C-alpha atoms as a PDB file:
ATOM      1  CA  SER A   1      40.530 -48.757 -61.828  1.00  0.00           C
ATOM      2  CA  ASN A   2      42.091 -50.094 -58.624  1.00  0.00           C
ATOM      3  CA  ARG A   3      45.004 -47.652 -58.938  1.00  0.00           C
ATOM      4  CA  VAL A   4      42.571 -44.737 -59.353  1.00  0.00           C
ATOM      5  CA  GLU A   5      40.745 -45.812 -56.197  1.00  0.00           C
ATOM      6  CA  ARG A   6      44.060 -45.979 -54.295  1.00  0.00           C
ATOM      7  CA  VAL A   7      45.128 -42.529 -55.519  1.00  0.00           C
ATOM      8  CA  SER A   8      41.710 -41.130 -54.649  1.00  0.00           C
ATOM      9  CA  GLN A   9      41.854 -42.714 -51.195  1.00  0.00           C
ATOM     10  CA  THR A  10      45.384 -41.393 -50.650  1.00  0.00           C
ATOM     11  CA  MET A  11      44.271 -37.868 -51.590  1.00  0.00           C
ATOM     12  CA  GLY A  12      41.334 -38.191 -49.197  1.00  0.00           C
ATOM     13  CA  GLU A  13      43.669 -39.326 -46.422  1.00  0.00           C
ATOM     14  CA  LYS A  14      46.025 -36.387 -47.074  1.00  0.00           C
ATOM     15  CA  ILE A  15      43.132 -33.916 -46.931  1.00  0.00           C
ATOM     16  CA  GLU A  16      41.858 -35.507 -43.717  1.00  0.00           C
ATOM     17  CA  LYS A  17      45.333 -35.305 -42.116  1.00  0.00           C
ATOM     18  CA  ALA A  18      45.638 -31.641 -43.122  1.00  0.00           C
ATOM     19  CA  ILE A  19      42.234 -30.833 -41.635  1.00  0.00           C
ATOM     20  CA  LYS A  20      42.976 -32.700 -38.405  1.00  0.00           C
ATOM     21  CA  TRP A  21      46.266 -30.789 -38.095  1.00  0.00           C
ATOM     22  CA  ARG A  22      44.462 -27.451 -38.530  1.00  0.00           C
ATOM     23  CA  LEU A  23      41.848 -28.474 -35.943  1.00  0.00           C
ATOM     24  CA  ARG A  24      44.534 -28.189 -33.263  1.00  0.00           C
ATOM     25  CA  ARG A  25      44.019 -24.744 -31.810  1.00  0.00           C
ATOM     26  CA  GLY A  26      45.772 -22.861 -29.047  1.00  0.00           C
ATOM     27  CA  VAL A  27      42.443 -22.232 -27.343  1.00  0.00           C
ATOM     28  CA  LEU A  28      40.938 -25.294 -25.659  1.00  0.00           C
ATOM     29  CA  GLU A  29      37.324 -24.256 -26.238  1.00  0.00           C
ATOM     30  CA  LEU A  30      37.922 -23.853 -29.982  1.00  0.00           C
ATOM     31  CA  ASP A  31      39.741 -27.171 -30.008  1.00  0.00           C
ATOM     32  CA  HIS A  32      36.719 -28.945 -28.474  1.00  0.00           C
ATOM     33  CA  ILE A  33      34.082 -27.266 -30.631  1.00  0.00           C
ATOM     34  CA  LEU A  34      35.890 -27.606 -33.963  1.00  0.00           C
ATOM     35  CA  SER A  35      37.180 -31.147 -33.342  1.00  0.00           C
ATOM     36  CA  GLY A  36      33.740 -32.277 -32.175  1.00  0.00           C
ATOM     37  CA  PHE A  37      32.048 -30.673 -35.160  1.00  0.00           C
ATOM     38  CA  TYR A  38      34.531 -32.324 -37.508  1.00  0.00           C
ATOM     39  CA  ALA A  39      34.085 -35.744 -35.907  1.00  0.00           C
ATOM     40  CA  LYS A  40      30.286 -35.655 -35.838  1.00  0.00           C
ATOM     41  CA  GLU A  41      29.196 -33.410 -38.709  1.00  0.00           C
ATOM     42  CA  TYR A  42      31.907 -33.137 -41.382  1.00  0.00           C
ATOM     43  CA  GLU A  43      30.850 -36.209 -43.381  1.00  0.00           C
ATOM     44  CA  THR A  44      27.274 -34.872 -43.628  1.00  0.00           C
ATOM     45  CA  LEU A  45      28.387 -31.561 -45.188  1.00  0.00           C
ATOM     46  CA  SER A  46      28.091 -30.782 -48.888  1.00  0.00           C
ATOM     47  CA  ASP A  47      31.326 -30.336 -50.847  1.00  0.00           C
ATOM     48  CA  SER A  48      30.976 -26.543 -50.726  1.00  0.00           C
ATOM     49  CA  GLU A  49      30.350 -26.630 -46.961  1.00  0.00           C
ATOM     50  CA  LYS A  50      33.458 -28.795 -46.528  1.00  0.00           C
ATOM     51  CA  LYS A  51      35.476 -26.199 -48.476  1.00  0.00           C
ATOM     52  CA  ASP A  52      34.004 -23.436 -46.289  1.00  0.00           C
ATOM     53  CA  PHE A  53      34.948 -25.382 -43.139  1.00  0.00           C
ATOM     54  CA  GLU A  54      38.489 -25.814 -44.446  1.00  0.00           C
ATOM     55  CA  THR A  55      38.651 -22.079 -45.248  1.00  0.00           C
ATOM     56  CA  LEU A  56      37.409 -21.292 -41.742  1.00  0.00           C
ATOM     57  CA  LEU A  57      40.241 -23.369 -40.269  1.00  0.00           C
ATOM     58  CA  GLU A  58      42.751 -21.090 -41.990  1.00  0.00           C
ATOM     59  CA  LEU A  59      41.676 -18.202 -39.740  1.00  0.00           C
ATOM     60  CA  SER A  60      43.648 -17.284 -36.637  1.00  0.00           C
ATOM     61  CA  ASP A  61      42.521 -18.309 -33.146  1.00  0.00           C
ATOM     62  CA  PRO A  62      41.415 -14.736 -32.263  1.00  0.00           C
ATOM     63  CA  GLU A  63      39.321 -14.573 -35.455  1.00  0.00           C
ATOM     64  CA  LEU A  64      37.784 -17.981 -34.750  1.00  0.00           C
ATOM     65  CA  LEU A  65      37.081 -17.075 -31.119  1.00  0.00           C
ATOM     66  CA  SER A  66      35.212 -14.007 -32.288  1.00  0.00           C
ATOM     67  CA  LEU A  67      33.145 -15.984 -34.823  1.00  0.00           C
ATOM     68  CA  ILE A  68      32.586 -19.280 -33.019  1.00  0.00           C
ATOM     69  CA  VAL A  69      32.615 -18.482 -29.302  1.00  0.00           C
ATOM     70  CA  TYR A  70      31.607 -14.814 -29.116  1.00  0.00           C
ATOM     71  CA  LYS A  71      29.368 -15.091 -32.197  1.00  0.00           C
ATOM     72  CA  LYS A  72      30.433 -11.769 -33.713  1.00  0.00           C
ATOM     73  CA  ILE A  73      29.475 -12.514 -37.296  1.00  0.00           C
ATOM     74  CA  ASP A  74      29.215 -10.358 -40.362  1.00  0.00           C
ATOM     75  CA  GLN A  75      25.851 -11.339 -41.838  1.00  0.00           C
ATOM     76  CA  GLU A  76      27.374 -10.869 -45.302  1.00  0.00           C
ATOM     77  CA  SER A  77      30.209 -13.335 -44.641  1.00  0.00           C
ATOM     78  CA  PRO A  78      30.586 -16.046 -47.286  1.00  0.00           C
ATOM     79  CA  LEU A  79      31.239 -18.423 -44.353  1.00  0.00           C
ATOM     80  CA  LEU A  80      27.978 -17.558 -42.574  1.00  0.00           C
ATOM     81  CA  ASN A  81      26.299 -20.892 -43.374  1.00  0.00           C
ATOM     82  CA  ILE A  82      29.110 -23.070 -41.968  1.00  0.00           C
ATOM     83  CA  ILE A  83      29.516 -20.805 -38.925  1.00  0.00           C
ATOM     84  CA  LYS A  84      25.784 -21.175 -38.157  1.00  0.00           C
ATOM     85  CA  LYS A  85      26.089 -24.966 -38.460  1.00  0.00           C
ATOM     86  CA  ILE A  86      28.978 -24.924 -35.970  1.00  0.00           C
ATOM     87  CA  HIS A  87      26.931 -22.727 -33.609  1.00  0.00           C
ATOM     88  CA  ALA A  88      23.994 -25.152 -33.854  1.00  0.00           C
ATOM     89  CA  TYR A  89      26.346 -28.059 -33.125  1.00  0.00           C
ATOM     90  CA  SER A  90      28.066 -26.327 -30.194  1.00  0.00           C
ATOM     91  CA  SER A  91      24.791 -25.384 -28.503  1.00  0.00           C
ATOM     92  CA  ILE A  92      23.635 -29.036 -28.336  1.00  0.00           C
END
């Protein structure tokens, strides 16, 4: 049981490191918004929202700028829910 907990914790740490690496953006504003959202909101997200956030981080800086900063969103986007949560966070 203890070994399973350690493996699980190690996997969690690897995922967290990967996310933190992808939070580093070339655009300072994106860096602040996404890092802040991760620090304050990530733990409150459902598993599917966490996956959506991780998928969002795979986008390029220009794509993220358009979605997060300029709010040019396709209302049919499968990432719409997580994008709206980031917008709500960033307008605080």
